[in-house]
């Protein structure tokens, strides 16, 4: 897989240029042959005249044996000519780009070149939901623009839940977060998408502007949620694409400790009981075809991080997704959480996160587990204990006993929150695809 990716990377600059390159080569060959045949007796005298003129000028400057200095002068002229050609080509290309995009100012050429490099990056699939997935995407987009985020669509709380009831649409919240994470637009635009109305805003209370904009785009697309997301992607100029795991309307159904069955993500989390089994309602929903294709063609597949029962597992329960992951040849990595989730994974260790996924999916769908071994400060841990969250202990030996390889290290960031450092995580992930 790594060798295949490297070959594609080597050939990536020529993608879409084969016909143009072939036509250019044929034109140059025809021009060269035509020149040789048409000017067979005129080119040598012209070159001799140029050389004689250059030699005469050089004698006026050097006033000694030309043969001793012609190599130095020739080298200097070659270097100067190369520099002039490079500067001229760069200036011409900048002028062309600014003509097509008047907002592209001087100094943005490096941005253009950077985008070209990202376009040659690996094909990456990232699966999950919530803030965990969006955090990871901020790191991945620094390595490639060939990213497919496959997002869970079972959120039924907050702004998303109200839009489900009012509009009958797929919940847009997690998709919005991923769009903003991959955005290459101005910060003012992404801040607008993430703005949330205060609780004293009447009927708009709690709504996110981004959710409302996606709802408006769904209306404009006559109910086509997929088209609405594509339009929002264009507005935000995202690096990659964001896909719902399924375009069907689905809810989570859980069997809790005490054989209590409950439906709905919010109700499951607030129940405060250990989850024994999880399923989708209805169970026969269809996976997004583009999501399955992205999994098959990926160079790297990332699962998580995120709430194990409400962000990670729901994607894997969509019919066809687990099978596609099992058959995919790309390295598959589950990124284990740094902190537990109240109402879902209370006091879970790393191995218990892995076991929860394997019990629900009943297939080994990843090869590696990325586990954080850095430890937060005691003050941070105390703050999280007050809200019912705990540090995920890295019991790596038990994880290895489950038949998966462990990528352990300090992948943690402790600022306002204790969470993964996306740059550290992505740096480790990229070693799996030879970068």
Protein backbone atom coordinates (compact mmCIF):
# COMPACT_ATOMS: atom_id res chain seq x y z
CA UNK A 1 0.00 0.00 0.00
CA UNK A 2 2.86 2.38 0.89
CA UNK A 3 4.64 1.57 -2.38
CA UNK A 4 1.41 2.15 -4.32
CA UNK A 5 0.93 5.51 -2.61
CA UNK A 6 4.51 6.58 -3.39
CA UNK A 7 4.06 5.71 -7.07
CA UNK A 8 0.83 7.74 -7.20
CA UNK A 9 2.58 10.60 -5.42
CA UNK A 10 5.39 10.53 -8.00
CA UNK A 11 2.88 10.64 -10.88
CA UNK A 12 0.47 13.06 -9.17
CA UNK A 13 1.83 16.24 -10.85
CA UNK A 14 0.95 14.80 -14.28
CA UNK A 15 -2.64 13.85 -13.41
CA UNK A 16 -4.92 15.57 -15.94
CA UNK A 17 -1.94 16.73 -18.03
CA UNK A 18 -1.21 13.60 -20.05
CA UNK A 19 -2.97 14.79 -23.22
CA UNK A 20 -1.51 18.28 -22.97
CA UNK A 21 1.99 16.88 -22.33
CA UNK A 22 1.67 14.51 -25.30
CA UNK A 23 0.53 17.31 -27.60
CA UNK A 24 3.38 19.54 -26.39
CA UNK A 25 5.94 16.79 -26.96
CA UNK A 26 4.66 16.13 -30.48
CA UNK A 27 4.71 19.86 -31.24
CA UNK A 28 8.28 20.29 -30.01
CA UNK A 29 9.45 17.23 -31.94
CA UNK A 30 7.80 18.46 -35.15
CA UNK A 31 9.27 21.94 -34.65
CA UNK A 32 12.75 20.51 -34.10
CA UNK A 33 12.62 18.24 -37.15
CA UNK A 34 11.18 21.03 -39.26
CA UNK A 35 13.95 23.36 -38.13
CA UNK A 36 16.65 20.84 -38.97
CA UNK A 37 15.21 20.06 -42.39
CA UNK A 38 14.35 23.66 -43.34
CA UNK A 39 17.44 25.45 -42.04
CA UNK A 40 20.12 22.82 -42.42
CA UNK A 41 22.46 25.25 -44.11
CA UNK A 42 21.47 28.42 -42.27
CA UNK A 43 21.69 27.46 -38.59
CA UNK A 44 25.47 26.68 -38.46
CA UNK A 45 26.46 30.03 -40.06
CA UNK A 46 24.07 31.86 -37.72
CA UNK A 47 25.54 30.14 -34.66
CA UNK A 48 29.07 30.85 -35.90
CA UNK A 49 28.19 34.53 -36.32
CA UNK A 50 26.79 34.67 -32.81
CA UNK A 51 29.92 33.03 -31.41
CA UNK A 52 32.26 35.35 -33.32
CA UNK A 53 30.33 38.39 -32.09
CA UNK A 54 30.38 37.14 -28.48
CA UNK A 55 34.09 36.35 -28.70
CA UNK A 56 34.86 39.81 -30.12
CA UNK A 57 32.88 41.47 -27.31
CA UNK A 58 34.63 39.31 -24.74
CA UNK A 59 38.06 40.35 -26.10
CA UNK A 60 37.13 44.00 -25.63
CA UNK A 61 36.26 43.34 -21.98
CA UNK A 62 38.94 40.82 -20.97
CA UNK A 63 41.82 41.99 -23.30
CA UNK A 64 43.73 38.72 -22.91
CA UNK A 65 43.43 35.04 -23.82
CA UNK A 66 39.71 34.41 -24.11
CA UNK A 67 40.06 30.65 -23.65
CA UNK A 68 41.11 31.11 -20.02
CA UNK A 69 38.04 33.06 -18.99
CA UNK A 70 35.31 31.92 -21.34
CA UNK A 71 34.29 29.06 -19.01
CA UNK A 72 33.88 31.48 -16.09
CA UNK A 73 31.97 34.03 -18.12
CA UNK A 74 29.84 31.30 -19.63
CA UNK A 75 28.98 29.96 -16.17
CA UNK A 76 28.06 33.41 -14.90
CA UNK A 77 25.87 34.07 -17.93
CA UNK A 78 24.19 30.67 -17.49
CA UNK A 79 23.48 31.37 -13.81
CA UNK A 80 22.19 34.86 -14.56
CA UNK A 81 20.02 33.55 -17.40
CA UNK A 82 18.56 30.81 -15.19
CA UNK A 83 17.76 33.32 -12.43
CA UNK A 84 16.16 35.72 -14.92
CA UNK A 85 14.08 32.95 -16.50
CA UNK A 86 12.87 31.77 -13.07
CA UNK A 87 11.95 35.28 -11.94
CA UNK A 88 10.20 35.98 -15.21
CA UNK A 89 8.24 32.74 -15.12
CA UNK A 90 7.22 33.36 -11.48
CA UNK A 91 6.14 36.93 -12.26
CA UNK A 92 4.17 35.81 -15.31
CA UNK A 93 2.41 33.03 -13.36
CA UNK A 94 1.59 35.42 -10.52
CA UNK A 95 0.13 37.89 -13.00
CA UNK A 96 -2.02 35.16 -14.59
CA UNK A 97 -3.30 33.99 -11.18
CA UNK A 98 -4.09 37.54 -10.09
CA UNK A 99 -5.97 38.07 -13.35
CA UNK A 100 -8.21 35.09 -12.64
CA UNK A 101 -8.47 35.94 -8.92
CA UNK A 102 -8.16 39.69 -8.19
CA UNK A 103 -8.09 39.00 -4.45
CA UNK A 104 -4.84 37.07 -4.79
CA UNK A 105 -2.18 39.56 -3.70
CA UNK A 106 1.58 39.46 -3.97
CA UNK A 107 3.12 36.92 -1.59
CA UNK A 108 0.29 34.41 -2.06
CA UNK A 109 2.30 32.34 -4.53
CA UNK A 110 3.59 30.26 -1.64
CA UNK A 111 -0.02 29.55 -0.67
CA UNK A 112 -0.72 28.38 -4.21
CA UNK A 113 2.33 26.11 -4.20
CA UNK A 114 1.32 24.76 -0.79
CA UNK A 115 -2.11 23.88 -2.12
CA UNK A 116 -0.47 22.01 -4.99
CA UNK A 117 1.56 19.99 -2.49
CA UNK A 118 -1.54 19.17 -0.46
CA UNK A 119 -3.32 18.03 -3.62
CA UNK A 120 -0.62 15.34 -3.95
CA UNK A 121 -1.18 14.11 -0.39
CA UNK A 122 -2.51 10.66 0.58
CA UNK A 123 -6.16 9.67 0.38
CA UNK A 124 -7.30 9.83 4.01
CA UNK A 125 -10.63 8.72 5.48
CA UNK A 126 -11.55 9.99 8.95
CA UNK A 127 -14.64 8.54 10.66
CA UNK A 128 -16.50 9.70 13.74
CA UNK A 129 -18.34 12.73 15.03
CA UNK A 130 -18.39 15.40 17.68
CA UNK A 131 -15.42 17.58 18.63
CA UNK A 132 -12.99 14.65 18.47
CA UNK A 133 -13.26 14.23 14.71
CA UNK A 134 -13.16 17.96 13.98
CA UNK A 135 -10.01 18.30 16.11
CA UNK A 136 -8.29 15.54 14.15
CA UNK A 137 -9.32 17.08 10.81
CA UNK A 138 -7.52 20.33 11.69
CA UNK A 139 -4.29 18.36 11.78
CA UNK A 140 -4.98 16.14 8.77
CA UNK A 141 -5.65 19.09 6.47
CA UNK A 142 -2.04 20.21 6.98
CA UNK A 143 -0.88 17.01 5.26
CA UNK A 144 -3.38 16.48 2.47
CA UNK A 145 -6.43 17.94 0.80
CA UNK A 146 -7.60 14.45 -0.24
CA UNK A 147 -9.59 13.94 2.96
CA UNK A 148 -13.00 12.30 3.29
CA UNK A 149 -14.71 12.84 6.64
CA UNK A 150 -17.46 10.26 7.22
CA UNK A 151 -19.72 11.70 9.92
CA UNK A 152 -22.27 10.09 12.21
CA UNK A 153 -25.84 11.39 11.84
CA UNK A 154 -27.56 10.16 15.00
CA UNK A 155 -27.35 13.39 17.04
CA UNK A 156 -30.83 14.33 18.25
CA UNK A 157 -30.06 17.02 20.81
CA UNK A 158 -29.68 20.81 20.83
CA UNK A 159 -29.95 22.74 17.58
CA UNK A 160 -29.66 19.60 15.45
CA UNK A 161 -32.51 17.90 17.31
CA UNK A 162 -34.80 20.89 16.81
CA UNK A 163 -34.04 20.98 13.07
CA UNK A 164 -34.84 17.26 12.84
CA UNK A 165 -38.25 17.95 14.34
CA UNK A 166 -38.96 21.19 12.46
CA UNK A 167 -37.48 20.32 9.06
CA UNK A 168 -37.29 16.54 9.01
CA UNK A 169 -33.66 16.83 7.88
CA UNK A 170 -30.47 14.97 8.75
CA UNK A 171 -28.83 16.50 11.85
CA UNK A 172 -26.24 19.02 10.61
CA UNK A 173 -24.29 19.73 13.82
CA UNK A 174 -21.36 17.30 13.50
CA UNK A 175 -21.20 17.89 9.75
CA UNK A 176 -20.98 21.64 10.37
CA UNK A 177 -18.08 21.15 12.79
CA UNK A 178 -16.20 19.08 10.22
CA UNK A 179 -16.80 21.63 7.45
CA UNK A 180 -15.38 24.38 9.65
CA UNK A 181 -12.39 22.20 10.65
CA UNK A 182 -11.48 21.61 6.99
CA UNK A 183 -12.25 25.17 5.89
CA UNK A 184 -9.72 27.29 4.04
CA UNK A 185 -11.97 30.35 4.16
CA UNK A 186 -11.43 33.56 6.11
CA UNK A 187 -11.68 33.25 9.90
CA UNK A 188 -14.63 35.64 9.92
CA UNK A 189 -16.60 33.18 7.78
CA UNK A 190 -15.80 30.16 9.98
CA UNK A 191 -16.60 32.18 13.10
CA UNK A 192 -19.97 33.03 11.55
CA UNK A 193 -20.70 29.34 10.88
CA UNK A 194 -19.91 28.49 14.51
CA UNK A 195 -21.80 31.39 16.09
CA UNK A 196 -24.55 30.22 18.42
CA UNK A 197 -27.47 32.38 19.52
CA UNK A 198 -27.84 33.02 23.24
CA UNK A 199 -30.63 31.38 25.21
CA UNK A 200 -32.53 34.67 25.37
CA UNK A 201 -32.88 34.89 21.56
CA UNK A 202 -36.42 33.63 21.34
CA UNK A 203 -37.06 30.96 18.73
CA UNK A 204 -33.40 31.21 17.66
CA UNK A 205 -32.10 30.36 21.13
CA UNK A 206 -29.37 27.72 20.99
CA UNK A 207 -29.30 27.53 17.21
CA UNK A 208 -25.98 27.65 15.38
CA UNK A 209 -25.74 29.93 12.35
CA UNK A 210 -24.04 27.12 10.43
CA UNK A 211 -26.89 24.72 11.17
CA UNK A 212 -29.43 27.30 9.98
CA UNK A 213 -27.43 28.00 6.82
CA UNK A 214 -27.26 24.29 6.00
CA UNK A 215 -31.04 24.09 6.59
CA UNK A 216 -31.51 27.02 4.19
CA UNK A 217 -29.31 25.29 1.59
CA UNK A 218 -31.41 22.14 1.95
CA UNK A 219 -34.47 24.24 1.09
CA UNK A 220 -32.72 25.72 -1.93
CA UNK A 221 -31.71 22.23 -3.06
CA UNK A 222 -35.35 21.05 -2.75
CA UNK A 223 -34.58 18.77 0.16
CA UNK A 224 -31.28 17.39 -1.17
CA UNK A 225 -29.08 17.30 1.95
CA UNK A 226 -26.05 16.05 0.05
CA UNK A 227 -26.22 18.98 -2.38
CA UNK A 228 -26.58 21.38 0.57
CA UNK A 229 -23.39 20.06 2.16
CA UNK A 230 -21.52 20.36 -1.15
CA UNK A 231 -22.63 23.99 -1.48
CA UNK A 232 -21.52 24.73 2.10
CA UNK A 233 -18.20 23.06 1.29
CA UNK A 234 -17.71 25.42 -1.64
CA UNK A 235 -18.59 28.44 0.49
CA UNK A 236 -16.00 27.47 3.09
CA UNK A 237 -13.43 26.29 0.49
CA UNK A 238 -12.76 23.13 2.48
CA UNK A 239 -9.78 20.83 1.92
CA UNK A 240 -11.44 17.53 1.17
CA UNK A 241 -15.09 16.58 1.53
CA UNK A 242 -17.58 15.77 4.27
CA UNK A 243 -20.08 12.92 3.89
CA UNK A 244 -22.83 11.66 6.17
CA UNK A 245 -22.42 7.94 6.90
CA UNK A 246 -25.95 7.47 5.57
CA UNK A 247 -28.51 9.74 3.94
CA UNK A 248 -31.29 7.92 5.77
CA UNK A 249 -32.94 9.18 8.96
CA UNK A 250 -31.61 6.95 11.74
CA UNK A 251 -31.67 6.90 15.53
CA UNK A 252 -29.61 5.04 18.09
CA UNK A 253 -31.26 2.22 20.02
CA UNK A 254 -29.52 0.82 23.09
CA UNK A 255 -29.97 -2.08 25.47
CA UNK A 256 -28.85 -0.80 28.86
CA UNK A 257 -27.81 -2.53 32.04
CA UNK A 258 -30.92 -4.04 33.63
CA UNK A 259 -32.27 -4.98 30.17
CA UNK A 260 -33.75 -1.54 29.66
CA UNK A 261 -34.21 -0.61 25.99
CA UNK A 262 -34.11 3.05 25.05
CA UNK A 263 -34.04 5.00 21.79
CA UNK A 264 -32.36 8.31 20.96
CA UNK A 265 -28.79 9.49 21.52
CA UNK A 266 -29.67 12.12 24.12
CA UNK A 267 -31.87 9.74 26.10
CA UNK A 268 -29.17 7.04 26.04
CA UNK A 269 -26.49 9.34 27.41
CA UNK A 270 -28.73 10.88 30.07
CA UNK A 271 -29.91 7.44 31.28
CA UNK A 272 -26.62 7.01 33.15
CA UNK A 273 -26.56 3.20 32.77
CA UNK A 274 -23.92 0.97 31.24
CA UNK A 275 -24.62 0.22 27.57
CA UNK A 276 -24.74 -3.50 26.77
CA UNK A 277 -25.74 -3.37 23.10
CA UNK A 278 -26.20 -0.70 20.48
CA UNK A 279 -28.07 -0.73 17.14
CA UNK A 280 -29.57 1.60 14.57
CA UNK A 281 -33.26 2.26 14.08
CA UNK A 282 -34.11 1.39 11.35
CA UNK A 283 -31.39 -1.27 10.97
CA UNK A 284 -31.66 -1.51 7.17
CA UNK A 285 -30.43 1.98 6.31
CA UNK A 286 -28.02 2.29 3.37
CA UNK A 287 -24.46 3.52 3.60
CA UNK A 288 -23.50 6.53 1.50
CA UNK A 289 -21.99 5.02 -1.71
CA UNK A 290 -19.24 7.65 -1.84
CA UNK A 291 -18.26 6.79 1.73
CA UNK A 292 -17.82 3.11 0.87
CA UNK A 293 -15.80 4.03 -2.23
CA UNK A 294 -13.57 6.35 -0.19
CA UNK A 295 -12.86 3.54 2.30
CA UNK A 296 -11.89 1.16 -0.51
CA UNK A 297 -9.53 3.68 -2.14
CA UNK A 298 -7.97 5.11 1.04
CA UNK A 299 -4.27 5.17 1.86
CA UNK A 300 -5.05 5.69 5.56
CA UNK A 301 -8.25 5.23 7.61
CA UNK A 302 -8.73 6.93 10.99
CA UNK A 303 -11.56 5.92 13.33
CA UNK A 304 -12.23 8.40 16.12
CA UNK A 305 -11.45 10.03 18.43
CA UNK A 306 -14.87 10.68 19.91
CA UNK A 307 -17.52 9.34 22.24
CA UNK A 308 -17.26 5.62 21.72
CA UNK A 309 -21.01 4.85 21.73
CA UNK A 310 -22.45 8.01 20.16
CA UNK A 311 -19.71 9.14 17.75
CA UNK A 312 -17.59 6.13 16.78
CA UNK A 313 -19.82 3.05 16.83
CA UNK A 314 -22.88 4.54 15.00
CA UNK A 315 -20.89 4.86 11.76
CA UNK A 316 -19.75 1.26 12.08
CA UNK A 317 -23.33 0.00 12.50
CA UNK A 318 -24.40 1.34 9.09
CA UNK A 319 -24.73 -1.76 6.84
CA UNK A 320 -21.70 -2.18 4.60
CA UNK A 321 -19.31 0.11 6.48
CA UNK A 322 -17.74 -2.51 8.76
CA UNK A 323 -17.40 -4.90 5.82
CA UNK A 324 -15.71 -2.22 3.71
CA UNK A 325 -13.29 -1.48 6.56
CA UNK A 326 -12.44 -5.14 7.01
CA UNK A 327 -11.66 -5.50 3.30
CA UNK A 328 -9.76 -2.21 2.92
CA UNK A 329 -6.02 -2.59 2.36
CA UNK A 330 -5.09 0.75 3.92
CA UNK A 331 -3.72 0.98 7.48
CA UNK A 332 -6.69 1.37 9.84
CA UNK A 333 -6.19 3.18 13.15
CA UNK A 334 -8.56 3.63 16.07
CA UNK A 335 -7.65 6.78 18.00
CA UNK A 336 -8.59 6.15 21.61
CA UNK A 337 -9.96 9.00 23.73
CA UNK A 338 -7.85 10.88 26.26
CA UNK A 339 -10.73 11.39 28.71
CA UNK A 340 -13.84 9.31 29.44
CA UNK A 341 -17.35 10.43 28.49
CA UNK A 342 -20.00 10.74 31.23
CA UNK A 343 -22.95 8.41 30.67
CA UNK A 344 -21.07 6.36 28.05
CA UNK A 345 -17.56 5.31 28.98
CA UNK A 346 -17.36 6.10 32.71
CA UNK A 347 -14.02 4.80 34.09
CA UNK A 348 -13.23 3.02 30.78
CA UNK A 349 -9.59 2.12 30.15
CA UNK A 350 -8.12 2.04 26.63
CA UNK A 351 -8.73 -1.70 26.30
CA UNK A 352 -12.37 -1.28 27.36
CA UNK A 353 -12.85 1.30 24.59
CA UNK A 354 -11.50 -1.21 22.08
CA UNK A 355 -13.61 -4.04 23.53
CA UNK A 356 -16.78 -1.93 23.34
CA UNK A 357 -16.22 -1.40 19.61
CA UNK A 358 -15.38 -5.04 18.90
CA UNK A 359 -18.44 -6.24 20.83
CA UNK A 360 -20.78 -4.02 18.78
CA UNK A 361 -19.20 -4.62 15.39
CA UNK A 362 -18.03 -8.23 15.93
CA UNK A 363 -15.26 -7.78 13.39
CA UNK A 364 -11.70 -6.56 13.76
CA UNK A 365 -11.97 -3.42 11.68
CA UNK A 366 -8.67 -1.74 12.64
CA UNK A 367 -5.02 -2.78 12.74
CA UNK A 368 -3.68 -0.19 15.18
CA UNK A 369 -4.84 1.62 18.29
CA UNK A 370 -3.30 5.01 18.99
CA UNK A 371 -3.13 5.46 22.78
CA UNK A 372 -2.05 8.53 24.67
CA UNK A 373 0.44 7.87 27.49
CA UNK A 374 0.94 11.51 28.52
CA UNK A 375 -0.77 12.47 31.75
CA UNK A 376 -2.58 15.75 32.51
CA UNK A 377 -1.78 17.86 35.54
CA UNK A 378 -3.51 17.06 38.83
CA UNK A 379 -5.38 20.36 38.71
CA UNK A 380 -6.82 19.47 35.29
CA UNK A 381 -7.76 15.97 36.45
CA UNK A 382 -9.51 17.41 39.49
CA UNK A 383 -11.49 19.80 37.29
CA UNK A 384 -12.65 16.90 35.09
CA UNK A 385 -13.57 14.74 38.09
CA UNK A 386 -16.02 17.43 39.15
CA UNK A 387 -17.98 16.86 35.91
CA UNK A 388 -17.70 13.07 35.99
CA UNK A 389 -14.83 12.58 33.54
CA UNK A 390 -11.64 10.63 34.16
CA UNK A 391 -8.32 10.03 32.45
CA UNK A 392 -8.28 7.00 30.12
CA UNK A 393 -5.64 4.66 31.50
CA UNK A 394 -3.29 3.29 28.85
CA UNK A 395 -3.43 -0.47 29.58
CA UNK A 396 -1.46 -1.22 26.41
CA UNK A 397 -0.72 -4.86 27.28
CA UNK A 398 -4.44 -5.68 27.37
CA UNK A 399 -4.96 -3.88 24.07
CA UNK A 400 -2.19 -5.97 22.45
CA UNK A 401 -3.84 -9.10 23.85
CA UNK A 402 -6.91 -8.19 21.76
CA UNK A 403 -4.85 -8.71 18.60
CA UNK A 404 -4.11 -5.13 17.55
CA UNK A 405 -0.89 -3.16 17.46
CA UNK A 406 -0.40 -0.15 19.72
CA UNK A 407 0.89 3.28 18.73
CA UNK A 408 1.65 4.78 22.12
CA UNK A 409 3.06 8.19 22.97
CA UNK A 410 2.28 11.58 24.44
CA UNK A 411 -0.41 12.84 22.05
CA UNK A 412 -2.10 15.12 24.58
CA UNK A 413 -2.70 18.85 24.62
CA UNK A 414 -3.59 20.58 27.90
CA UNK A 415 -4.80 24.13 27.42
CA UNK A 416 -8.41 25.08 28.12
CA UNK A 417 -9.33 21.41 27.72
CA UNK A 418 -7.48 18.11 27.87
CA UNK A 419 -7.68 16.62 24.42
CA UNK A 420 -5.54 15.27 21.59
CA UNK A 421 -2.92 17.51 20.04
CA UNK A 422 -3.86 17.14 16.34
CA UNK A 423 -0.32 17.85 15.11
CA UNK A 424 1.23 15.17 17.33
CA UNK A 425 -1.43 12.63 16.37
CA UNK A 426 -1.16 13.34 12.64
CA UNK A 427 2.65 13.24 12.71
CA UNK A 428 2.42 9.68 14.05
CA UNK A 429 -0.32 8.68 11.62
CA UNK A 430 1.65 9.90 8.61
CA UNK A 431 4.45 7.42 9.36
CA UNK A 432 2.01 4.66 8.38
CA UNK A 433 1.83 5.97 4.80
CA UNK A 434 5.53 6.71 4.45
CA UNK A 435 5.42 10.47 5.07
